């Protein structure tokens, strides 16, 4: 009554469904089935694993029909693109799943998900203290605006007065008047380093 048919391959097939043959209540339906060539989604990506910058995505998808027509990229951080070979800048590090969905002229589609291990150090260290001067004891907040970093990174602050800190954006209290040079170094989980004063 509801058969499953395994067609031998790409092509056009004609079928007939006959109900109650030879009776007054008999009827015939003619069925046309078109089996299109397969489509396969695939891509590669390239980026500097040590210094933050754009990730370049290259579409390697294939179809046995004429042409691919649509690309839908989901970069794993809430952003997306519909171009064939996009580039993307990540603000946060991590093991990021990237999804590519492709469609061809026959409306056949396929999806692939690949993971990017994105753990570079920031290309530039950007620190914004809440103040550059104060009366002792001076509580200074060092807002670390560098990206990409998170708690998996080793961050070492030298506040210039013999004290150190290890938070991404630390507070520090200066108890002795003076002019201090603050050094910060950032090491990614894969061992890349950057430092600045």
N, C-alpha and C. Protein backbone atom coordinates (compact mmCIF):
# COMPACT_ATOMS: atom_id res chain seq x y z
N UNK A 1 0.83 -1.21 0.00
CA UNK A 1 0.00 0.00 0.00
C UNK A 1 0.87 1.27 0.00
N UNK A 2 1.94 1.26 0.81
CA UNK A 2 2.86 2.41 0.87
C UNK A 2 4.28 1.90 0.69
N UNK A 3 4.67 1.59 -0.54
CA UNK A 3 5.96 0.96 -0.76
C UNK A 3 7.12 1.94 -0.65
N UNK A 4 8.30 1.42 -0.35
CA UNK A 4 9.54 2.18 -0.42
C UNK A 4 10.31 1.65 -1.63
N UNK A 5 10.70 2.56 -2.52
CA UNK A 5 11.37 2.16 -3.75
C UNK A 5 12.81 2.65 -3.71
N UNK A 6 13.75 1.76 -3.95
CA UNK A 6 15.15 2.14 -4.07
C UNK A 6 15.49 2.25 -5.55
N UNK A 7 15.64 3.47 -6.03
CA UNK A 7 15.95 3.68 -7.44
C UNK A 7 17.43 3.42 -7.68
N UNK A 8 17.80 2.95 -8.86
CA UNK A 8 19.18 2.52 -9.10
C UNK A 8 20.18 3.66 -9.25
N UNK A 9 19.71 4.90 -9.43
CA UNK A 9 20.65 6.00 -9.58
C UNK A 9 19.98 7.23 -10.14
N UNK A 10 20.80 8.19 -10.57
CA UNK A 10 20.28 9.44 -11.12
C UNK A 10 19.49 9.17 -12.39
N UNK A 11 18.37 9.84 -12.54
CA UNK A 11 17.56 9.70 -13.75
C UNK A 11 16.11 10.02 -13.51
N UNK A 12 15.32 9.88 -14.57
CA UNK A 12 13.88 10.12 -14.48
C UNK A 12 13.17 8.78 -14.61
N UNK A 13 12.21 8.56 -13.73
CA UNK A 13 11.50 7.28 -13.66
C UNK A 13 10.00 7.54 -13.69
N UNK A 14 9.30 6.71 -14.49
CA UNK A 14 7.85 6.79 -14.56
C UNK A 14 7.25 5.56 -13.91
N UNK A 15 6.24 5.80 -13.08
CA UNK A 15 5.58 4.70 -12.40
C UNK A 15 4.08 4.80 -12.56
N UNK A 16 3.40 3.71 -12.27
CA UNK A 16 1.95 3.67 -12.37
C UNK A 16 1.39 3.02 -11.11
N UNK A 17 0.36 3.64 -10.55
CA UNK A 17 -0.35 3.05 -9.42
C UNK A 17 -1.77 2.74 -9.88
N UNK A 18 -2.14 1.46 -9.81
CA UNK A 18 -3.47 1.03 -10.27
C UNK A 18 -4.23 0.51 -9.06
N UNK A 19 -5.40 1.09 -8.82
CA UNK A 19 -6.25 0.64 -7.72
C UNK A 19 -7.48 -0.08 -8.30
N UNK A 20 -7.79 -1.20 -7.75
CA UNK A 20 -8.97 -1.99 -8.14
C UNK A 20 -9.06 -2.16 -9.65
N UNK A 21 -8.03 -2.77 -10.27
CA UNK A 21 -8.05 -2.89 -11.73
C UNK A 21 -9.25 -3.75 -12.21
N UNK A 22 -9.86 -3.29 -13.33
CA UNK A 22 -10.95 -4.03 -13.95
C UNK A 22 -12.29 -3.86 -13.26
N UNK A 23 -12.40 -2.93 -12.29
CA UNK A 23 -13.68 -2.72 -11.61
C UNK A 23 -14.17 -1.31 -11.88
N UNK A 24 -15.45 -1.03 -11.54
CA UNK A 24 -16.00 0.30 -11.73
C UNK A 24 -15.31 1.33 -10.85
N UNK A 25 -14.81 0.87 -9.72
CA UNK A 25 -14.13 1.79 -8.79
C UNK A 25 -12.63 1.83 -9.03
N UNK A 26 -12.19 1.32 -10.13
CA UNK A 26 -10.76 1.31 -10.41
C UNK A 26 -10.26 2.69 -10.82
N UNK A 27 -8.98 2.93 -10.59
CA UNK A 27 -8.37 4.20 -11.00
C UNK A 27 -6.89 3.98 -11.21
N UNK A 28 -6.28 4.87 -11.98
CA UNK A 28 -4.85 4.77 -12.27
C UNK A 28 -4.19 6.12 -12.04
N UNK A 29 -3.05 6.11 -11.37
CA UNK A 29 -2.25 7.33 -11.17
C UNK A 29 -0.91 7.12 -11.83
N UNK A 30 -0.46 8.16 -12.52
CA UNK A 30 0.85 8.11 -13.17
C UNK A 30 1.83 8.94 -12.35
N UNK A 31 2.96 8.37 -12.04
CA UNK A 31 3.93 8.99 -11.13
C UNK A 31 5.24 9.21 -11.87
N UNK A 32 5.75 10.44 -11.78
CA UNK A 32 7.04 10.76 -12.38
C UNK A 32 8.01 11.11 -11.26
N UNK A 33 9.14 10.43 -11.18
CA UNK A 33 10.15 10.66 -10.15
C UNK A 33 11.45 11.06 -10.84
N UNK A 34 12.05 12.15 -10.34
CA UNK A 34 13.33 12.62 -10.89
C UNK A 34 14.37 12.54 -9.77
N UNK A 35 15.37 11.70 -9.94
CA UNK A 35 16.45 11.55 -8.96
C UNK A 35 17.62 12.40 -9.42
N UNK A 36 17.93 13.44 -8.62
CA UNK A 36 18.99 14.38 -8.99
C UNK A 36 20.36 13.89 -8.51
N UNK A 37 21.43 14.41 -9.09
CA UNK A 37 22.78 14.07 -8.61
C UNK A 37 22.97 14.54 -7.17
N UNK A 38 23.90 13.90 -6.48
CA UNK A 38 24.13 14.23 -5.07
C UNK A 38 24.84 15.56 -4.93
N UNK A 39 24.72 16.13 -3.72
CA UNK A 39 25.40 17.36 -3.36
C UNK A 39 26.13 17.09 -2.04
N UNK A 40 27.33 17.64 -1.90
CA UNK A 40 28.10 17.42 -0.67
C UNK A 40 28.72 18.73 -0.20
N UNK A 41 28.37 19.12 1.02
CA UNK A 41 28.93 20.34 1.62
C UNK A 41 30.31 20.05 2.18
N UNK A 42 31.24 20.99 1.99
CA UNK A 42 32.59 20.86 2.55
C UNK A 42 33.25 22.23 2.52
N UNK A 43 34.19 22.44 3.45
CA UNK A 43 34.94 23.69 3.45
C UNK A 43 36.24 23.51 4.22
N UNK A 44 37.16 24.44 3.99
CA UNK A 44 38.39 24.53 4.78
C UNK A 44 38.44 25.93 5.39
N UNK A 45 39.34 26.10 6.35
CA UNK A 45 39.53 27.42 6.95
C UNK A 45 41.01 27.62 7.21
N UNK A 46 41.40 28.89 7.24
CA UNK A 46 42.80 29.23 7.44
C UNK A 46 42.89 30.48 8.29
N UNK A 47 43.80 30.47 9.28
CA UNK A 47 44.00 31.64 10.12
C UNK A 47 45.35 31.50 10.81
N UNK A 48 45.85 32.63 11.31
CA UNK A 48 47.09 32.63 12.08
C UNK A 48 46.75 32.09 13.46
N UNK A 49 47.27 30.92 13.79
CA UNK A 49 46.91 30.27 15.05
C UNK A 49 47.47 31.00 16.27
N UNK A 50 48.49 31.87 16.08
CA UNK A 50 49.11 32.53 17.23
C UNK A 50 48.64 33.97 17.43
N UNK A 51 48.36 34.70 16.37
CA UNK A 51 47.98 36.10 16.51
C UNK A 51 46.57 36.30 15.95
N UNK A 52 45.71 36.92 16.73
CA UNK A 52 44.32 37.10 16.34
C UNK A 52 44.19 37.87 15.04
N UNK A 53 43.30 37.42 14.20
CA UNK A 53 43.02 38.06 12.92
C UNK A 53 41.84 37.35 12.28
N UNK A 54 41.50 37.69 11.05
CA UNK A 54 40.35 37.05 10.41
C UNK A 54 40.60 35.57 10.10
N UNK A 55 39.53 34.80 10.18
CA UNK A 55 39.54 33.41 9.73
C UNK A 55 38.98 33.40 8.31
N UNK A 56 39.74 32.83 7.38
CA UNK A 56 39.31 32.78 5.98
C UNK A 56 38.69 31.42 5.69
N UNK A 57 37.45 31.42 5.23
CA UNK A 57 36.73 30.19 4.91
C UNK A 57 36.69 29.99 3.40
N UNK A 58 36.98 28.76 2.95
CA UNK A 58 36.94 28.44 1.53
C UNK A 58 35.96 27.30 1.30
N UNK A 59 34.97 27.55 0.48
CA UNK A 59 33.95 26.55 0.15
C UNK A 59 34.53 25.49 -0.77
N UNK A 60 34.38 24.21 -0.40
CA UNK A 60 34.82 23.09 -1.23
C UNK A 60 33.64 22.19 -1.61
N UNK A 61 32.43 22.70 -1.48
CA UNK A 61 31.23 21.90 -1.74
C UNK A 61 31.14 21.53 -3.22
N UNK A 62 30.52 20.36 -3.47
CA UNK A 62 30.38 19.87 -4.84
C UNK A 62 28.94 19.42 -5.09
N UNK A 63 28.55 19.48 -6.35
CA UNK A 63 27.25 18.97 -6.76
C UNK A 63 27.41 18.34 -8.14
N UNK A 64 26.62 17.29 -8.39
CA UNK A 64 26.66 16.63 -9.69
C UNK A 64 25.81 17.34 -10.73
N UNK A 65 25.04 18.35 -10.29
CA UNK A 65 24.21 19.09 -11.23
C UNK A 65 24.97 20.33 -11.69
N UNK A 66 24.25 21.26 -12.27
CA UNK A 66 24.90 22.44 -12.85
C UNK A 66 25.68 23.24 -11.83
N UNK A 67 25.00 23.74 -10.81
CA UNK A 67 25.67 24.77 -10.01
C UNK A 67 25.15 24.80 -8.58
N UNK A 68 26.05 25.22 -7.70
CA UNK A 68 25.64 25.60 -6.35
C UNK A 68 25.05 26.99 -6.42
N UNK A 69 23.98 27.24 -5.65
CA UNK A 69 23.31 28.54 -5.73
C UNK A 69 23.28 29.28 -4.39
N UNK A 70 23.32 28.55 -3.28
CA UNK A 70 23.18 29.20 -1.97
C UNK A 70 24.18 28.65 -0.97
N UNK A 71 24.75 29.56 -0.17
CA UNK A 71 25.65 29.20 0.93
C UNK A 71 25.14 29.89 2.18
N UNK A 72 25.00 29.14 3.25
CA UNK A 72 24.56 29.72 4.52
C UNK A 72 25.56 29.31 5.59
N UNK A 73 26.39 30.27 6.02
CA UNK A 73 27.41 30.04 7.03
C UNK A 73 26.89 30.50 8.39
N UNK A 74 27.07 29.67 9.40
CA UNK A 74 26.83 30.07 10.79
C UNK A 74 28.16 29.90 11.51
N UNK A 75 28.73 31.02 11.98
CA UNK A 75 30.10 31.03 12.49
C UNK A 75 30.24 30.56 13.93
N UNK A 76 29.16 30.23 14.60
CA UNK A 76 29.24 29.68 15.95
C UNK A 76 29.27 30.73 17.04
N UNK A 77 29.21 32.01 16.65
CA UNK A 77 29.19 33.09 17.64
C UNK A 77 27.97 34.00 17.45
N UNK A 78 26.97 33.50 16.72
CA UNK A 78 25.77 34.28 16.47
C UNK A 78 25.80 35.07 15.17
N UNK A 79 26.94 35.09 14.50
CA UNK A 79 27.06 35.81 13.23
C UNK A 79 26.94 34.82 12.07
N UNK A 80 26.62 35.34 10.89
CA UNK A 80 26.44 34.46 9.72
C UNK A 80 26.79 35.21 8.44
N UNK A 81 26.86 34.46 7.33
CA UNK A 81 27.14 35.04 6.03
C UNK A 81 26.50 34.19 4.95
N UNK A 82 26.18 34.82 3.83
CA UNK A 82 25.63 34.11 2.68
C UNK A 82 26.56 34.15 1.48
N UNK A 83 27.81 34.60 1.68
CA UNK A 83 28.77 34.62 0.58
C UNK A 83 29.46 33.26 0.48
N UNK A 84 30.03 32.96 -0.67
CA UNK A 84 30.62 31.64 -0.89
C UNK A 84 31.89 31.44 -0.07
N UNK A 85 32.76 32.43 -0.03
CA UNK A 85 34.05 32.31 0.66
C UNK A 85 34.25 33.50 1.61
N UNK A 86 33.61 33.47 2.78
CA UNK A 86 33.68 34.62 3.67
C UNK A 86 34.92 34.62 4.55
N UNK A 87 35.15 35.75 5.21
CA UNK A 87 36.12 35.82 6.30
C UNK A 87 35.36 36.32 7.52
N UNK A 88 35.89 35.96 8.71
CA UNK A 88 35.18 36.32 9.94
C UNK A 88 36.18 36.59 11.05
N UNK A 89 35.91 37.60 11.87
CA UNK A 89 36.74 37.92 13.02
C UNK A 89 36.00 37.50 14.29
N UNK A 90 36.65 36.66 15.10
CA UNK A 90 36.07 36.20 16.35
C UNK A 90 36.54 37.09 17.50
N UNK A 91 35.60 37.46 18.37
CA UNK A 91 35.93 38.26 19.54
C UNK A 91 36.31 37.38 20.73
N UNK A 92 35.85 36.14 20.75
CA UNK A 92 36.10 35.23 21.86
C UNK A 92 36.81 33.97 21.36
N UNK A 93 37.72 33.45 22.17
CA UNK A 93 38.38 32.20 21.79
C UNK A 93 37.50 31.00 22.10
N UNK A 94 37.95 29.82 21.67
CA UNK A 94 37.24 28.60 22.02
C UNK A 94 37.31 27.55 20.93
N UNK A 95 36.63 26.44 21.20
CA UNK A 95 36.46 25.36 20.23
C UNK A 95 35.12 25.65 19.56
N UNK A 96 35.15 26.30 18.41
CA UNK A 96 33.97 26.93 17.83
C UNK A 96 33.40 26.08 16.69
N UNK A 97 32.12 25.66 16.78
CA UNK A 97 31.50 24.90 15.68
C UNK A 97 31.02 25.84 14.58
N UNK A 98 31.46 25.57 13.35
CA UNK A 98 31.04 26.36 12.19
C UNK A 98 30.19 25.46 11.30
N UNK A 99 29.02 25.99 10.89
CA UNK A 99 28.06 25.22 10.10
C UNK A 99 27.93 25.84 8.72
N UNK A 100 28.04 24.99 7.69
CA UNK A 100 27.81 25.42 6.30
C UNK A 100 26.68 24.60 5.72
N UNK A 101 25.67 25.30 5.19
CA UNK A 101 24.57 24.67 4.47
C UNK A 101 24.62 25.16 3.03
N UNK A 102 24.59 24.22 2.07
CA UNK A 102 24.63 24.59 0.64
C UNK A 102 23.42 24.04 -0.09
N UNK A 103 23.06 24.71 -1.20
CA UNK A 103 21.92 24.29 -2.02
C UNK A 103 22.33 24.46 -3.48
N UNK A 104 21.80 23.57 -4.36
CA UNK A 104 22.12 23.68 -5.79
C UNK A 104 20.88 24.01 -6.61
N UNK A 105 21.04 24.02 -7.93
CA UNK A 105 19.94 24.42 -8.83
C UNK A 105 18.75 23.48 -8.76
N UNK A 106 18.96 22.24 -8.31
CA UNK A 106 17.86 21.29 -8.17
C UNK A 106 17.17 21.39 -6.82
N UNK A 107 17.59 22.36 -5.99
CA UNK A 107 17.08 22.53 -4.63
C UNK A 107 17.51 21.40 -3.70
N UNK A 108 18.53 20.64 -4.11
CA UNK A 108 19.13 19.66 -3.21
C UNK A 108 20.02 20.41 -2.23
N UNK A 109 20.13 19.93 -1.00
CA UNK A 109 20.93 20.64 0.00
C UNK A 109 21.72 19.65 0.85
N UNK A 110 22.76 20.17 1.48
CA UNK A 110 23.57 19.37 2.40
C UNK A 110 24.15 20.32 3.45
N UNK A 111 24.52 19.75 4.59
CA UNK A 111 25.04 20.53 5.72
C UNK A 111 26.28 19.83 6.26
N UNK A 112 27.26 20.64 6.68
CA UNK A 112 28.44 20.10 7.35
C UNK A 112 28.79 21.04 8.51
N UNK A 113 29.29 20.46 9.60
CA UNK A 113 29.75 21.23 10.76
C UNK A 113 31.19 20.83 11.04
N UNK A 114 32.06 21.84 11.14
CA UNK A 114 33.46 21.60 11.51
C UNK A 114 33.80 22.50 12.69
N UNK A 115 34.72 22.04 13.51
CA UNK A 115 35.12 22.78 14.70
C UNK A 115 36.44 23.49 14.47
N UNK A 116 36.51 24.76 14.90
CA UNK A 116 37.74 25.54 14.82
C UNK A 116 38.28 25.72 16.24
N UNK A 117 39.51 25.30 16.46
CA UNK A 117 40.17 25.54 17.74
C UNK A 117 40.85 26.90 17.65
N UNK A 118 40.17 27.92 18.16
CA UNK A 118 40.61 29.31 17.99
C UNK A 118 41.13 29.86 19.31
N UNK A 119 42.47 29.85 19.48
CA UNK A 119 43.10 30.31 20.72
C UNK A 119 44.33 31.18 20.45
N UNK A 120 44.23 32.19 19.57
CA UNK A 120 45.38 33.08 19.37
C UNK A 120 45.45 34.13 20.48
N UNK A 121 46.60 34.80 20.58
CA UNK A 121 46.69 35.95 21.49
C UNK A 121 46.17 37.18 20.75
N UNK A 122 45.79 38.22 21.48
CA UNK A 122 45.35 39.45 20.81
C UNK A 122 46.45 40.01 19.92
N UNK A 123 46.05 40.59 18.81
CA UNK A 123 47.01 41.25 17.93
C UNK A 123 47.55 42.52 18.58
N UNK A 124 46.76 43.10 19.49
CA UNK A 124 47.13 44.33 20.17
C UNK A 124 46.57 44.29 21.59
N UNK A 125 47.41 44.62 22.57
CA UNK A 125 46.93 44.70 23.95
C UNK A 125 46.34 46.09 24.17
N UNK A 126 45.10 46.12 24.63
CA UNK A 126 44.40 47.38 24.88
C UNK A 126 43.95 47.39 26.34
N UNK A 127 44.52 48.30 27.13
CA UNK A 127 44.20 48.42 28.55
C UNK A 127 43.65 49.82 28.80
N UNK A 128 42.54 49.89 29.53
CA UNK A 128 41.94 51.18 29.86
C UNK A 128 41.80 51.31 31.37
N UNK A 129 42.78 51.94 32.04
CA UNK A 129 42.64 52.15 33.48
C UNK A 129 41.50 53.12 33.77
N UNK A 130 40.81 52.94 34.91
CA UNK A 130 39.74 53.88 35.24
C UNK A 130 40.30 55.24 35.64
N UNK A 131 41.62 55.30 35.94
CA UNK A 131 42.27 56.56 36.25
C UNK A 131 43.77 56.41 36.04
N UNK A 132 44.42 57.51 35.66
CA UNK A 132 45.87 57.50 35.50
C UNK A 132 46.57 58.20 36.66
N UNK A 133 45.80 58.67 37.63
CA UNK A 133 46.38 59.32 38.81
C UNK A 133 45.40 59.18 39.97
N UNK A 134 45.88 59.42 41.17
CA UNK A 134 45.04 59.36 42.35
C UNK A 134 45.84 59.67 43.59
N UNK A 135 45.14 59.81 44.69
CA UNK A 135 45.78 60.03 45.99
C UNK A 135 45.96 58.70 46.68
N UNK A 136 47.13 58.51 47.33
CA UNK A 136 47.34 57.22 47.97
C UNK A 136 46.50 57.12 49.24
N UNK A 137 45.90 55.94 49.49
CA UNK A 137 45.95 54.74 48.65
C UNK A 137 45.03 54.88 47.43
N UNK A 138 45.56 54.61 46.25
CA UNK A 138 44.82 54.77 45.00
C UNK A 138 44.38 53.40 44.49
N UNK A 139 43.07 53.21 44.38
CA UNK A 139 42.53 51.97 43.81
C UNK A 139 42.31 52.19 42.32
N UNK A 140 43.06 51.44 41.50
CA UNK A 140 42.99 51.59 40.04
C UNK A 140 42.45 50.29 39.44
N UNK A 141 41.47 50.43 38.54
CA UNK A 141 40.93 49.28 37.81
C UNK A 141 41.53 49.28 36.41
N UNK A 142 42.14 48.16 36.03
CA UNK A 142 42.76 48.01 34.72
C UNK A 142 41.82 47.19 33.83
N UNK A 143 41.04 47.88 33.02
CA UNK A 143 40.06 47.22 32.16
C UNK A 143 40.78 46.69 30.92
N UNK A 144 40.83 45.37 30.79
CA UNK A 144 41.52 44.72 29.68
C UNK A 144 40.54 44.56 28.52
N UNK A 145 40.69 45.37 27.48
CA UNK A 145 39.80 45.34 26.32
C UNK A 145 40.38 44.51 25.18
N UNK A 146 41.48 43.82 25.42
CA UNK A 146 42.12 43.00 24.39
C UNK A 146 41.22 41.81 24.04
N UNK A 147 41.28 41.38 22.81
CA UNK A 147 40.52 40.20 22.40
C UNK A 147 41.31 39.43 21.35
N UNK A 148 41.15 38.11 21.30
CA UNK A 148 40.29 37.27 22.12
C UNK A 148 41.03 36.75 23.36
N UNK A 149 40.45 36.86 24.51
CA UNK A 149 40.97 36.24 25.73
C UNK A 149 39.80 35.79 26.59
N UNK A 150 40.07 34.79 27.42
CA UNK A 150 39.11 34.36 28.43
C UNK A 150 39.90 33.75 29.58
N UNK A 151 39.22 33.08 30.48
CA UNK A 151 39.88 32.56 31.69
C UNK A 151 40.83 31.40 31.41
N UNK A 152 40.84 30.87 30.19
CA UNK A 152 41.79 29.80 29.86
C UNK A 152 43.17 30.35 29.53
N UNK A 153 43.30 31.66 29.40
CA UNK A 153 44.57 32.31 29.09
C UNK A 153 45.31 32.64 30.40
N UNK A 154 46.65 32.56 30.36
CA UNK A 154 47.48 32.98 31.50
C UNK A 154 47.79 34.46 31.33
N UNK A 155 47.34 35.26 32.28
CA UNK A 155 47.55 36.70 32.23
C UNK A 155 48.32 37.10 33.49
N UNK A 156 49.46 37.76 33.28
CA UNK A 156 50.30 38.18 34.41
C UNK A 156 50.49 39.69 34.34
N UNK A 157 50.11 40.36 35.42
CA UNK A 157 50.27 41.81 35.55
C UNK A 157 51.43 42.10 36.49
N UNK A 158 52.28 43.03 36.12
CA UNK A 158 53.30 43.58 37.02
C UNK A 158 52.93 45.05 37.18
N UNK A 159 52.47 45.43 38.40
CA UNK A 159 51.94 46.76 38.61
C UNK A 159 53.01 47.83 38.84
N UNK A 160 54.28 47.44 38.81
CA UNK A 160 55.37 48.40 38.92
C UNK A 160 55.77 48.74 40.34
N UNK A 161 55.03 48.19 41.32
CA UNK A 161 55.35 48.45 42.72
C UNK A 161 55.73 47.16 43.46
N UNK A 162 56.09 46.14 42.68
CA UNK A 162 56.46 44.85 43.27
C UNK A 162 55.31 43.87 43.38
N UNK A 163 54.08 44.32 43.11
CA UNK A 163 52.91 43.44 43.20
C UNK A 163 52.56 42.90 41.82
N UNK A 164 51.89 41.75 41.83
CA UNK A 164 51.43 41.11 40.59
C UNK A 164 49.95 40.82 40.68
N UNK A 165 49.33 40.61 39.52
CA UNK A 165 47.93 40.20 39.43
C UNK A 165 47.78 39.19 38.31
N UNK A 166 46.67 38.43 38.37
CA UNK A 166 46.48 37.35 37.40
C UNK A 166 45.06 37.31 36.82
N UNK A 167 44.26 38.33 37.11
CA UNK A 167 42.91 38.40 36.55
C UNK A 167 42.96 39.02 35.15
N UNK A 168 41.88 38.83 34.40
CA UNK A 168 41.82 39.46 33.08
C UNK A 168 41.83 40.97 33.23
N UNK A 169 40.97 41.49 34.09
CA UNK A 169 40.88 42.94 34.35
C UNK A 169 40.93 43.16 35.86
N UNK A 170 42.12 43.39 36.43
CA UNK A 170 42.25 43.45 37.88
C UNK A 170 42.08 44.86 38.46
N UNK A 171 41.85 44.90 39.77
CA UNK A 171 41.97 46.11 40.59
C UNK A 171 43.34 46.04 41.26
N UNK A 172 43.95 47.21 41.49
CA UNK A 172 45.20 47.25 42.27
C UNK A 172 45.24 48.52 43.09
N UNK A 173 45.72 48.40 44.32
CA UNK A 173 45.84 49.54 45.22
C UNK A 173 47.30 49.96 45.33
N UNK A 174 47.58 51.22 45.00
CA UNK A 174 48.92 51.80 45.16
C UNK A 174 48.96 52.53 46.50
N UNK A 175 49.88 52.12 47.38
CA UNK A 175 49.97 52.69 48.72
C UNK A 175 51.10 53.70 48.87
N UNK A 176 51.98 53.78 47.88
CA UNK A 176 53.13 54.68 47.96
C UNK A 176 53.08 55.61 46.75
N UNK A 177 53.20 56.94 46.97
CA UNK A 177 53.19 57.86 45.84
C UNK A 177 54.32 57.56 44.86
N UNK A 178 54.08 57.77 43.59
CA UNK A 178 55.10 57.54 42.59
C UNK A 178 54.50 57.42 41.20
N UNK A 179 55.35 57.22 40.22
CA UNK A 179 54.94 56.97 38.84
C UNK A 179 55.29 55.53 38.53
N UNK A 180 54.32 54.77 38.08
CA UNK A 180 54.51 53.33 37.91
C UNK A 180 54.30 52.92 36.45
N UNK A 181 55.16 52.03 35.98
CA UNK A 181 54.99 51.41 34.67
C UNK A 181 54.34 50.04 34.89
N UNK A 182 53.23 49.81 34.23
CA UNK A 182 52.47 48.56 34.38
C UNK A 182 52.75 47.67 33.18
N UNK A 183 53.18 46.45 33.45
CA UNK A 183 53.43 45.48 32.39
C UNK A 183 52.36 44.39 32.45
N UNK A 184 51.92 43.92 31.29
CA UNK A 184 50.99 42.80 31.23
C UNK A 184 51.47 41.85 30.14
N UNK A 185 51.39 40.55 30.44
CA UNK A 185 51.70 39.53 29.43
C UNK A 185 50.53 38.55 29.36
N UNK A 186 50.25 38.11 28.14
CA UNK A 186 49.13 37.19 27.88
C UNK A 186 49.68 35.99 27.14
N UNK A 187 49.37 34.79 27.66
CA UNK A 187 49.78 33.53 27.02
C UNK A 187 48.52 32.71 26.74
N UNK A 188 48.37 32.30 25.48
CA UNK A 188 47.18 31.53 25.09
C UNK A 188 47.32 30.07 25.55
N UNK A 189 46.22 29.32 25.55
CA UNK A 189 46.28 27.90 25.93
C UNK A 189 47.20 27.05 25.06
N UNK A 190 47.53 27.54 23.84
CA UNK A 190 48.44 26.78 22.96
C UNK A 190 49.85 27.33 23.00
N UNK A 191 50.13 28.28 23.93
CA UNK A 191 51.49 28.74 24.16
C UNK A 191 51.92 29.99 23.43
N UNK A 192 51.04 30.66 22.72
CA UNK A 192 51.40 31.91 22.05
C UNK A 192 51.44 33.03 23.10
N UNK A 193 52.36 33.99 22.93
CA UNK A 193 52.54 35.05 23.93
C UNK A 193 52.55 36.43 23.30
N UNK A 194 52.09 37.41 24.08
CA UNK A 194 52.22 38.83 23.74
C UNK A 194 52.33 39.60 25.05
N UNK A 195 53.07 40.69 25.03
CA UNK A 195 53.20 41.51 26.25
C UNK A 195 53.33 42.96 25.85
N UNK A 196 53.03 43.84 26.82
CA UNK A 196 53.11 45.27 26.56
C UNK A 196 53.22 46.00 27.89
N UNK A 197 53.61 47.28 27.84
CA UNK A 197 53.74 48.13 29.02
C UNK A 197 52.85 49.35 28.85
